[in-house]
C-alpha atoms as a PDB file:
ATOM      1  CA  MET A   1      12.243  -2.042  -4.651  1.00  0.00           C
ATOM      2  CA  PHE A   2      15.198  -2.573  -2.218  1.00  0.00           C
ATOM      3  CA  ILE A   3      18.419  -3.005  -4.087  1.00  0.00           C
ATOM      4  CA  TYR A   4      22.156  -3.062  -3.023  1.00  0.00           C
ATOM      5  CA  PRO A   5      23.669  -0.785  -3.347  1.00  0.00           C
ATOM      6  CA  PRO A   6      26.707   0.812  -5.389  1.00  0.00           C
ATOM      7  CA  ALA A   7      30.378   0.054  -3.403  1.00  0.00           C
ATOM      8  CA  LYS A   8      30.828   3.314  -4.272  1.00  0.00           C
ATOM      9  CA  LYS A   9      30.108   6.261  -1.819  1.00  0.00           C
ATOM     10  CA  LEU A  10      27.007   7.365  -0.890  1.00  0.00           C
ATOM     11  CA  GLU A  11      26.040  10.882  -1.903  1.00  0.00           C
ATOM     12  CA  LEU A  12      22.377  12.572  -0.477  1.00  0.00           C
ATOM     13  CA  SER A  13      21.778  15.077  -2.904  1.00  0.00           C
ATOM     14  CA  GLY A  14      19.354  18.154  -1.702  1.00  0.00           C
ATOM     15  CA  ASN A  15      15.563  16.860  -1.695  1.00  0.00           C
ATOM     16  CA  THR A  16      16.146  13.136  -1.281  1.00  0.00           C
ATOM     17  CA  ILE A  17      15.789  10.381   0.877  1.00  0.00           C
ATOM     18  CA  HIS A  18      17.466   6.842   1.265  1.00  0.00           C
ATOM     19  CA  ILE A  19      15.180   4.148   2.518  1.00  0.00           C
ATOM     20  CA  TRP A  20      17.695   0.995   3.841  1.00  0.00           C
ATOM     21  CA  ARG A  21      16.459  -2.491   4.478  1.00  0.00           C
ATOM     22  CA  ALA A  22      17.645  -4.593   6.914  1.00  0.00           C
ATOM     23  CA  ASN A  23      17.332  -8.346   8.996  1.00  0.00           C
ATOM     24  CA  LEU A  24      17.588  -8.436  12.576  1.00  0.00           C
ATOM     25  CA  LYS A  25      17.962 -11.724  12.939  1.00  0.00           C
ATOM     26  CA  LEU A  26      22.277 -12.952  12.694  1.00  0.00           C
ATOM     27  CA  PRO A  27      23.870 -15.901  13.458  1.00  0.00           C
ATOM     28  CA  PRO A  28      25.305 -15.373  17.692  1.00  0.00           C
ATOM     29  CA  PRO A  29      28.807 -14.876  15.925  1.00  0.00           C
ATOM     30  CA  GLN A  30      28.107 -12.394  14.242  1.00  0.00           C
ATOM     31  CA  ILE A  31      25.643 -10.346  16.437  1.00  0.00           C
ATOM     32  CA  GLU A  32      28.926 -10.390  18.681  1.00  0.00           C
ATOM     33  CA  THR A  33      31.442  -8.738  16.033  1.00  0.00           C
ATOM     34  CA  LEU A  34      28.754  -6.319  15.498  1.00  0.00           C
ATOM     35  CA  SER A  35      28.139  -5.067  19.650  1.00  0.00           C
ATOM     36  CA  LYS A  36      32.274  -4.720  19.306  1.00  0.00           C
ATOM     37  CA  THR A  37      31.253  -1.787  16.992  1.00  0.00           C
ATOM     38  CA  LEU A  38      29.038  -0.402  20.008  1.00  0.00           C
ATOM     39  CA  SER A  39      28.830   2.362  22.213  1.00  0.00           C
ATOM     40  CA  SER A  40      29.133   1.094  25.666  1.00  0.00           C
ATOM     41  CA  ASP A  41      25.913   3.268  26.592  1.00  0.00           C
ATOM     42  CA  GLU A  42      24.406   1.178  23.945  1.00  0.00           C
ATOM     43  CA  ILE A  43      25.923  -1.746  25.825  1.00  0.00           C
ATOM     44  CA  GLU A  44      24.512  -1.136  28.563  1.00  0.00           C
ATOM     45  CA  ARG A  45      20.660  -0.176  27.024  1.00  0.00           C
ATOM     46  CA  ALA A  46      21.593  -3.711  25.065  1.00  0.00           C
ATOM     47  CA  ASN A  47      21.647  -5.830  28.385  1.00  0.00           C
ATOM     48  CA  GLN A  48      18.630  -4.256  29.658  1.00  0.00           C
ATOM     49  CA  PHE A  49      16.370  -6.102  27.315  1.00  0.00           C
ATOM     50  CA  TYR A  50      14.805  -9.596  29.639  1.00  0.00           C
ATOM     51  CA  PHE A  51      14.378 -11.228  26.532  1.00  0.00           C
ATOM     52  CA  GLU A  52      18.063 -12.609  24.853  1.00  0.00           C
ATOM     53  CA  LYS A  53      16.090 -12.063  21.079  1.00  0.00           C
ATOM     54  CA  ASP A  54      15.155  -8.617  21.385  1.00  0.00           C
ATOM     55  CA  LYS A  55      18.605  -7.840  23.258  1.00  0.00           C
ATOM     56  CA  HIS A  56      20.286  -8.828  19.888  1.00  0.00           C
ATOM     57  CA  ASN A  57      17.341  -7.119  17.719  1.00  0.00           C
ATOM     58  CA  PHE A  58      19.035  -4.246  19.999  1.00  0.00           C
ATOM     59  CA  ILE A  59      22.562  -4.678  19.278  1.00  0.00           C
ATOM     60  CA  VAL A  60      22.062  -5.079  15.135  1.00  0.00           C
ATOM     61  CA  ALA A  61      19.769  -2.452  14.414  1.00  0.00           C
ATOM     62  CA  ARG A  62      22.276  -0.256  16.646  1.00  0.00           C
ATOM     63  CA  ALA A  63      25.439  -1.465  15.153  1.00  0.00           C
ATOM     64  CA  THR A  64      23.761  -0.959  10.948  1.00  0.00           C
ATOM     65  CA  LEU A  65      22.271   2.050  12.207  1.00  0.00           C
ATOM     66  CA  ARG A  66      26.237   3.026  12.344  1.00  0.00           C
ATOM     67  CA  LYS A  67      27.278   0.440   9.391  1.00  0.00           C
ATOM     68  CA  ILE A  68      25.050   2.407   7.529  1.00  0.00           C
ATOM     69  CA  LEU A  69      25.935   5.812   8.811  1.00  0.00           C
ATOM     70  CA  SER A  70      29.825   5.229   8.567  1.00  0.00           C
ATOM     71  CA  LEU A  71      29.082   4.760   4.464  1.00  0.00           C
ATOM     72  CA  TYR A  72      27.810   8.598   4.085  1.00  0.00           C
ATOM     73  CA  LEU A  73      30.270   9.870   7.219  1.00  0.00           C
ATOM     74  CA  ASN A  74      33.619   8.658   5.985  1.00  0.00           C
ATOM     75  CA  LEU A  75      33.926   7.170   9.946  1.00  0.00           C
ATOM     76  CA  GLU A  76      34.618   3.876  11.413  1.00  0.00           C
ATOM     77  CA  PRO A  77      30.775   2.603  12.311  1.00  0.00           C
ATOM     78  CA  SER A  78      33.056   2.291  16.127  1.00  0.00           C
ATOM     79  CA  GLN A  79      33.724   6.226  15.743  1.00  0.00           C
ATOM     80  CA  LEU A  80      30.501   7.929  15.873  1.00  0.00           C
ATOM     81  CA  LYS A  81      29.202   8.987  18.577  1.00  0.00           C
ATOM     82  CA  PHE A  82      25.513  10.033  19.738  1.00  0.00           C
ATOM     83  CA  THR A  83      22.965  12.160  20.990  1.00  0.00           C
ATOM     84  CA  TYR A  84      19.575  12.584  22.266  1.00  0.00           C
ATOM     85  CA  SER A  85      16.941  14.060  22.062  1.00  0.00           C
ATOM     86  CA  GLU A  86      14.228  14.789  25.980  1.00  0.00           C
ATOM     87  CA  ARG A  87      12.400  12.043  23.970  1.00  0.00           C
ATOM     88  CA  GLY A  88      15.216   9.560  22.717  1.00  0.00           C
ATOM     89  CA  LYS A  89      15.402  10.272  19.419  1.00  0.00           C
ATOM     90  CA  PRO A  90      19.301  10.061  18.563  1.00  0.00           C
ATOM     91  CA  THR A  91      21.004  12.609  16.118  1.00  0.00           C
ATOM     92  CA  LEU A  92      24.836  12.459  15.016  1.00  0.00           C
ATOM     93  CA  SER A  93      26.809  14.373  17.805  1.00  0.00           C
ATOM     94  CA  ILE A  94      29.750  15.843  14.745  1.00  0.00           C
ATOM     95  CA  PRO A  95      29.072  19.095  12.636  1.00  0.00           C
ATOM     96  CA  THR A  96      26.721  17.235   9.344  1.00  0.00           C
ATOM     97  CA  SER A  97      23.898  18.016   7.326  1.00  0.00           C
ATOM     98  CA  ILE A  98      22.722  14.458   7.534  1.00  0.00           C
ATOM     99  CA  LEU A  99      19.592  13.277   9.255  1.00  0.00           C
ATOM    100  CA  PHE A 100      17.730   9.891  10.412  1.00  0.00           C
ATOM    101  CA  ASN A 101      15.367   7.944  12.154  1.00  0.00           C
ATOM    102  CA  LEU A 102      15.012   4.229  12.196  1.00  0.00           C
ATOM    103  CA  SER A 103      12.213   1.503  12.829  1.00  0.00           C
ATOM    104  CA  HIS A 104      12.134  -1.916  13.861  1.00  0.00           C
ATOM    105  CA  SER A 105       9.774  -5.010  13.840  1.00  0.00           C
ATOM    106  CA  GLN A 106       9.544  -8.594  14.402  1.00  0.00           C
ATOM    107  CA  ASP A 107      12.672  -9.263  12.414  1.00  0.00           C
ATOM    108  CA  LEU A 108      12.636  -6.268  10.046  1.00  0.00           C
ATOM    109  CA  ALA A 109      14.670  -2.397  10.079  1.00  0.00           C
ATOM    110  CA  LEU A 110      14.205   0.003   8.424  1.00  0.00           C
ATOM    111  CA  TYR A 111      16.951   3.183   8.482  1.00  0.00           C
ATOM    112  CA  ALA A 112      15.948   6.849   6.541  1.00  0.00           C
ATOM    113  CA  ILE A 113      18.918   9.004   5.597  1.00  0.00           C
ATOM    114  CA  THR A 114      18.049  12.782   3.854  1.00  0.00           C
ATOM    115  CA  LYS A 115      19.849  15.697   4.203  1.00  0.00           C
ATOM    116  CA  VAL A 116      16.309  17.777   3.889  1.00  0.00           C
ATOM    117  CA  ASN A 117      14.351  18.166   6.815  1.00  0.00           C
ATOM    118  CA  SER A 118      13.162  16.522  10.346  1.00  0.00           C
ATOM    119  CA  ILE A 119      12.478  12.935   9.487  1.00  0.00           C
ATOM    120  CA  GLY A 120      10.664   9.900  10.908  1.00  0.00           C
ATOM    121  CA  ILE A 121       9.643   5.835   9.617  1.00  0.00           C
ATOM    122  CA  ASP A 122       7.932   3.875  11.174  1.00  0.00           C
ATOM    123  CA  LEU A 123       7.561  -0.172  10.428  1.00  0.00           C
ATOM    124  CA  GLU A 124       5.089  -2.454  11.472  1.00  0.00           C
ATOM    125  CA  TYR A 125       4.338  -5.643  11.382  1.00  0.00           C
ATOM    126  CA  ILE A 126       0.706  -7.194  10.759  1.00  0.00           C
ATOM    127  CA  ARG A 127      -0.483  -9.267  13.142  1.00  0.00           C
ATOM    128  CA  PRO A 128      -3.691 -11.003  14.296  1.00  0.00           C
ATOM    129  CA  MET A 129      -5.560  -8.266  16.759  1.00  0.00           C
ATOM    130  CA  ASN A 130      -8.908  -8.393  18.318  1.00  0.00           C
ATOM    131  CA  ASP A 131      -8.842  -4.909  19.006  1.00  0.00           C
ATOM    132  CA  ALA A 132      -8.433  -2.749  16.238  1.00  0.00           C
ATOM    133  CA  LYS A 133     -11.627  -1.463  17.009  1.00  0.00           C
ATOM    134  CA  SER A 134     -11.114  -0.432  20.453  1.00  0.00           C
ATOM    135  CA  LEU A 135      -7.855   0.681  19.732  1.00  0.00           C
ATOM    136  CA  ALA A 136      -9.092   3.117  17.204  1.00  0.00           C
ATOM    137  CA  LYS A 137     -11.572   5.063  18.842  1.00  0.00           C
ATOM    138  CA  ARG A 138      -8.838   5.553  22.123  1.00  0.00           C
ATOM    139  CA  PHE A 139      -5.995   6.646  19.608  1.00  0.00           C
ATOM    140  CA  PHE A 140      -7.986   7.906  16.519  1.00  0.00           C
ATOM    141  CA  SER A 141      -9.855  10.587  15.392  1.00  0.00           C
ATOM    142  CA  ALA A 142     -14.057  10.232  15.206  1.00  0.00           C
ATOM    143  CA  GLN A 143     -13.290  10.325  11.530  1.00  0.00           C
ATOM    144  CA  GLU A 144     -10.613   7.542  10.895  1.00  0.00           C
ATOM    145  CA  TYR A 145     -12.547   5.587  14.101  1.00  0.00           C
ATOM    146  CA  LYS A 146     -16.422   5.755  11.490  1.00  0.00           C
ATOM    147  CA  PHE A 147     -14.109   4.699   8.771  1.00  0.00           C
ATOM    148  CA  ILE A 148     -12.491   2.145  10.886  1.00  0.00           C
ATOM    149  CA  SER A 149     -15.657   0.833  12.128  1.00  0.00           C
ATOM    150  CA  GLN A 150     -17.012   0.307   8.427  1.00  0.00           C
ATOM    151  CA  LEU A 151     -14.994  -2.653   7.799  1.00  0.00           C
ATOM    152  CA  LEU A 152     -14.162  -6.163   7.819  1.00  0.00           C
ATOM    153  CA  PRO A 153     -11.974  -7.242  11.076  1.00  0.00           C
ATOM    154  CA  GLN A 154      -9.621  -8.042   8.905  1.00  0.00           C
ATOM    155  CA  GLN A 155      -9.320  -4.841   6.962  1.00  0.00           C
ATOM    156  CA  GLN A 156      -9.792  -3.502  10.227  1.00  0.00           C
ATOM    157  CA  GLN A 157      -6.145  -4.271  11.213  1.00  0.00           C
ATOM    158  CA  GLU A 158      -4.714  -3.575   8.591  1.00  0.00           C
ATOM    159  CA  THR A 159      -6.200  -0.201   8.149  1.00  0.00           C
ATOM    160  CA  PHE A 160      -6.073   0.274  11.575  1.00  0.00           C
ATOM    161  CA  PHE A 161      -2.089  -0.586  10.923  1.00  0.00           C
ATOM    162  CA  LYS A 162      -1.447   1.865   8.180  1.00  0.00           C
ATOM    163  CA  ILE A 163      -2.938   4.644   9.724  1.00  0.00           C
ATOM    164  CA  TRP A 164      -0.684   4.198  12.898  1.00  0.00           C
ATOM    165  CA  THR A 165       2.543   4.223  10.924  1.00  0.00           C
ATOM    166  CA  CYS A 166       2.145   7.381   9.370  1.00  0.00           C
ATOM    167  CA  LYS A 167       0.980   8.636  12.471  1.00  0.00           C
ATOM    168  CA  GLU A 168       3.766   7.477  14.402  1.00  0.00           C
ATOM    169  CA  ALA A 169       6.755   8.223  11.853  1.00  0.00           C
ATOM    170  CA  TYR A 170       5.086  12.445  12.179  1.00  0.00           C
ATOM    171  CA  LEU A 171       5.660  12.305  15.729  1.00  0.00           C
ATOM    172  CA  LYS A 172       9.059  10.247  15.672  1.00  0.00           C
ATOM    173  CA  ALA A 173      10.142  13.404  12.845  1.00  0.00           C
ATOM    174  CA  THR A 174       8.778  15.695  15.177  1.00  0.00           C
ATOM    175  CA  GLY A 175      10.382  14.428  17.954  1.00  0.00           C
ATOM    176  CA  GLU A 176       7.103  13.776  20.363  1.00  0.00           C
ATOM    177  CA  GLY A 177       6.629  10.293  20.212  1.00  0.00           C
ATOM    178  CA  LEU A 178       3.716   8.832  20.741  1.00  0.00           C
ATOM    179  CA  ALA A 179       3.757  11.405  24.009  1.00  0.00           C
ATOM    180  CA  GLY A 180       3.010  14.574  21.685  1.00  0.00           C
ATOM    181  CA  GLY A 181      -1.014  12.771  20.390  1.00  0.00           C
ATOM    182  CA  LEU A 182      -2.074  10.287  17.857  1.00  0.00           C
ATOM    183  CA  GLU A 183      -5.863  11.826  17.449  1.00  0.00           C
ATOM    184  CA  LYS A 184      -3.989  15.661  17.144  1.00  0.00           C
ATOM    185  CA  VAL A 185      -2.864  13.870  12.709  1.00  0.00           C
ATOM    186  CA  GLU A 186      -5.279  12.858  10.186  1.00  0.00           C
ATOM    187  CA  VAL A 187      -5.030  11.133   8.071  1.00  0.00           C
ATOM    188  CA  SER A 188      -6.786  10.355   4.827  1.00  0.00           C
ATOM    189  CA  THR A 189      -9.059   7.095   4.534  1.00  0.00           C
ATOM    190  CA  THR A 190     -10.126   7.722   0.767  1.00  0.00           C
ATOM    191  CA  PRO A 191     -10.034   4.652  -0.532  1.00  0.00           C
ATOM    192  CA  ASP A 192      -9.353   5.849  -4.580  1.00  0.00           C
ATOM    193  CA  GLN A 193      -6.594   8.202  -2.973  1.00  0.00           C
ATOM    194  CA  PRO A 194      -3.311   7.962  -1.832  1.00  0.00           C
ATOM    195  CA  ILE A 195      -2.561   7.828   1.838  1.00  0.00           C
ATOM    196  CA  HIS A 196      -1.722  11.686   3.023  1.00  0.00           C
ATOM    197  CA  PHE A 197      -2.521  14.087   5.922  1.00  0.00           C
ATOM    198  CA  LEU A 198      -5.232  15.941   6.370  1.00  0.00           C
ATOM    199  CA  SER A 199      -5.064  18.015   9.464  1.00  0.00           C
ATOM    200  CA  ILE A 200      -1.960  18.349  11.911  1.00  0.00           C
ATOM    201  CA  ASN A 201      -3.475  19.997  15.522  1.00  0.00           C
ATOM    202  CA  GLU A 202      -6.510  19.951  13.352  1.00  0.00           C
ATOM    203  CA  ASN A 203      -4.999  22.290  11.025  1.00  0.00           C
ATOM    204  CA  ALA A 204      -4.837  21.494   6.938  1.00  0.00           C
ATOM    205  CA  LYS A 205      -2.207  24.117   6.286  1.00  0.00           C
ATOM    206  CA  GLU A 206       0.197  22.504   8.715  1.00  0.00           C
ATOM    207  CA  ALA A 207      -0.721  19.028   7.110  1.00  0.00           C
ATOM    208  CA  SER A 208       0.636  20.014   3.848  1.00  0.00           C
ATOM    209  CA  GLY A 209       4.265  20.829   5.619  1.00  0.00           C
ATOM    210  CA  TRP A 210       4.634  17.912   5.842  1.00  0.00           C
ATOM    211  CA  TYR A 211       5.373  14.569   3.358  1.00  0.00           C
ATOM    212  CA  LEU A 212       4.179  11.102   3.630  1.00  0.00           C
ATOM    213  CA  HIS A 213       4.816   8.175   1.909  1.00  0.00           C
ATOM    214  CA  GLN A 214       3.512   4.580   2.693  1.00  0.00           C
ATOM    215  CA  PHE A 215       5.313   1.291   1.357  1.00  0.00           C
ATOM    216  CA  VAL A 216       5.089  -2.473   1.581  1.00  0.00           C
ATOM    217  CA  PRO A 217       8.922  -3.647   2.949  1.00  0.00           C
ATOM    218  CA  GLU A 218       8.078  -7.085   3.335  1.00  0.00           C
ATOM    219  CA  PRO A 219       4.668  -9.109   3.167  1.00  0.00           C
ATOM    220  CA  ASN A 220       2.924  -8.123   6.222  1.00  0.00           C
ATOM    221  CA  TYR A 221       4.764  -5.687   7.330  1.00  0.00           C
ATOM    222  CA  ILE A 222       2.935  -1.302   6.502  1.00  0.00           C
ATOM    223  CA  ALA A 223       5.886   1.322   6.361  1.00  0.00           C
ATOM    224  CA  ALA A 224       5.349   4.807   6.676  1.00  0.00           C
ATOM    225  CA  VAL A 225       8.305   7.467   5.811  1.00  0.00           C
ATOM    226  CA  VAL A 226       7.653  11.600   7.105  1.00  0.00           C
ATOM    227  CA  VAL A 227       9.279  14.544   6.522  1.00  0.00           C
ATOM    228  CA  ALA A 228       8.991  18.584   7.067  1.00  0.00           C
ATOM    229  CA  GLY A 229       9.071  20.366   3.611  1.00  0.00           C
ATOM    230  CA  LYS A 230       9.384  18.475   0.025  1.00  0.00           C
ATOM    231  CA  VAL A 231      11.299  15.413  -1.357  1.00  0.00           C
ATOM    232  CA  GLU A 232      12.272  14.707  -5.296  1.00  0.00           C
ATOM    233  CA  LYS A 233      13.019  11.749  -4.605  1.00  0.00           C
ATOM    234  CA  LEU A 234      13.767   8.281  -2.763  1.00  0.00           C
ATOM    235  CA  SER A 235      15.401   5.864  -3.403  1.00  0.00           C
ATOM    236  CA  PHE A 236      15.519   2.221  -1.746  1.00  0.00           C
ATOM    237  CA  TRP A 237      18.597   0.519  -0.677  1.00  0.00           C
ATOM    238  CA  GLN A 238      19.541  -3.348   1.075  1.00  0.00           C
ATOM    239  CA  ILE A 239      22.092  -3.576   3.607  1.00  0.00           C
END
């Protein structure tokens, strides 16, 4: 699915999404080099992490974001500046039609780049969990909870993460984050159909205005990308 991009400058057409995959587990000298492309506020955020692994993952994830965006903007990664929404969603501070979002879990990161409209991406490592059913009851709709309750324990956790990534990707696209309410976004749980939004705020028409695509970037991971409007093509790149 993921391939290395061509050497020339990448172009985004109007209704395209580019999804990038990156490995965050790098040797210390490479992490040190990448850290030099970050801004002072990013370095400050990195230093707030208690565990060294979390600090390193943040540095690599943000430096990689800069590197990817530089491929489209013809700027050095260190030249990029970001502004942040009230809930922390980053956007480029320079005039550009490029929109993006990122997510990382364990040692993997994903980046979604587009010109279509507001975009969100979420990545989750499918880890063992004993409370999938109780979490679904707390955060999901009654129909979603009912569906998960009828599954075997192993299926419960996989299905939980499938639904969760769709909901969180949507809330990241709107900029609301988890405070926006996972239960307000209802996802189809019909086994023989592609996953899609049934309703948002109990409104099926509102749900139909969002594009949703779910995929497996690596074994034991699940991801979803969501964008407002229509999408004609997805490209998957490795960095």
